[in-house]
Amino acid sequence: MKSVFDTLPEPIVNQLEGLTKNPRFPWYWLDDTTYMTSDHDGLKAHSFSHQLIDEYEPVSEQTGLFESALHCIADKCDARVYRHISCTIRIVLS
């Protein structure tokens, strides 16, 4: 599997890595993170999360950096990012 980091410019990767590994970066505990596996079984797990956008509005000081990364990934995939479609965006560690 190819990492999304392979599609990002090195300065953005370095910023994202430095930011998310910083002990001051606010990660929040989620008791239930449900996601689908490749065989469509729903799995529930615990995870840490940081919400970037809620109800179409940025709620994190770091939203801009993550949006820049998302646009770089979309460009490599010949896709477009429609901000109004994503009402809630979280990054999750699980």
Protein backbone atom coordinates (compact mmCIF):
# COMPACT_ATOMS: atom_id res chain seq x y z
CA MET A 1 0.00 0.00 0.00
CA LYS A 2 1.27 3.46 -0.91
CA SER A 3 1.42 6.07 1.83
CA VAL A 4 -0.32 9.41 1.27
CA PHE A 5 2.94 10.96 2.42
CA ASP A 6 4.48 9.78 -0.87
CA THR A 7 2.27 12.32 -2.70
CA LEU A 8 3.04 15.32 -0.49
CA PRO A 9 5.89 17.80 -0.81
CA GLU A 10 8.57 17.17 1.82
CA PRO A 11 8.05 20.50 3.64
CA ILE A 12 4.36 19.65 4.25
CA VAL A 13 5.25 16.13 5.42
CA ASN A 14 7.82 17.55 7.82
CA GLN A 15 5.31 20.10 9.18
CA LEU A 16 2.56 17.50 9.64
CA GLU A 17 4.92 15.05 11.30
CA GLY A 18 6.39 17.68 13.62
CA LEU A 19 2.95 19.00 14.51
CA THR A 20 1.24 15.68 15.25
CA LYS A 21 4.20 14.28 17.21
CA ASN A 22 4.50 17.39 19.35
CA PRO A 23 3.46 16.62 22.95
CA ARG A 24 1.48 19.87 22.97
CA PHE A 25 -0.70 18.84 20.02
CA PRO A 26 -4.21 18.24 21.41
CA TRP A 27 -5.31 14.64 20.84
CA TYR A 28 -8.68 13.63 22.33
CA TRP A 29 -9.79 10.14 23.37
CA LEU A 30 -12.64 8.55 21.37
CA ASP A 31 -14.23 5.59 23.04
CA ASP A 32 -15.77 4.29 19.82
CA THR A 33 -14.24 4.62 16.37
CA THR A 34 -16.20 2.47 13.94
CA TYR A 35 -14.79 1.86 10.49
CA MET A 36 -15.26 -0.57 7.63
CA THR A 37 -12.70 -3.20 6.68
CA SER A 38 -12.02 -4.38 3.14
CA ASP A 39 -14.53 -7.22 3.64
CA HIS A 40 -17.16 -4.67 4.83
CA ASP A 41 -17.21 -5.80 8.44
CA GLY A 42 -17.65 -2.92 10.84
CA LEU A 43 -14.91 -2.77 13.44
CA LYS A 44 -15.10 -0.79 16.65
CA ALA A 45 -11.94 0.42 18.30
CA HIS A 46 -10.63 3.09 20.63
CA SER A 47 -8.59 5.92 19.18
CA PHE A 48 -7.28 9.42 19.60
CA SER A 49 -8.73 12.19 17.46
CA HIS A 50 -8.24 15.84 16.61
CA GLN A 51 -11.18 17.58 14.95
CA LEU A 52 -10.31 20.03 12.19
CA ILE A 53 -13.72 21.07 10.84
CA ASP A 54 -17.15 20.90 12.44
CA GLU A 55 -20.38 21.99 10.81
CA TYR A 56 -18.41 23.41 7.86
CA GLU A 57 -16.30 25.68 10.07
CA PRO A 58 -12.63 25.29 11.09
CA VAL A 59 -12.32 24.43 14.78
CA SER A 60 -8.57 23.89 14.91
CA GLU A 61 -5.68 26.30 14.46
CA GLN A 62 -4.06 23.62 12.27
CA THR A 63 -6.92 23.28 9.76
CA GLY A 64 -5.08 25.21 7.04
CA LEU A 65 -2.05 22.93 7.03
CA PHE A 66 -4.19 19.80 6.80
CA GLU A 67 -6.31 21.36 4.05
CA SER A 68 -3.11 22.10 2.09
CA ALA A 69 -2.12 18.44 2.40
CA LEU A 70 -5.59 17.31 1.32
CA HIS A 71 -5.42 19.52 -1.79
CA CYS A 72 -1.97 18.12 -2.69
CA ILE A 73 -3.31 14.56 -2.42
CA ALA A 74 -6.39 15.45 -4.48
CA ASP A 75 -4.21 17.02 -7.19
CA LYS A 76 -2.17 13.80 -7.48
CA CYS A 77 -5.42 11.82 -7.85
CA ASP A 78 -6.99 14.26 -10.35
CA ALA A 79 -9.74 14.90 -7.83
CA ARG A 80 -11.31 18.02 -6.39
CA VAL A 81 -11.86 18.94 -2.78
CA TYR A 82 -15.26 20.39 -2.04
CA ARG A 83 -15.13 21.90 1.41
CA HIS A 84 -18.90 22.19 1.72
CA ILE A 85 -19.29 18.40 1.42
CA SER A 86 -17.15 17.66 4.47
CA CYS A 87 -19.13 18.86 7.45
CA THR A 88 -16.82 17.18 9.97
CA ILE A 89 -13.18 16.24 9.45
CA ARG A 90 -11.08 14.47 12.07
CA ILE A 91 -7.62 13.00 12.01
CA VAL A 92 -7.45 9.78 13.99
CA LEU A 93 -4.74 7.66 15.57
CA SER A 94 -5.83 4.11 16.25
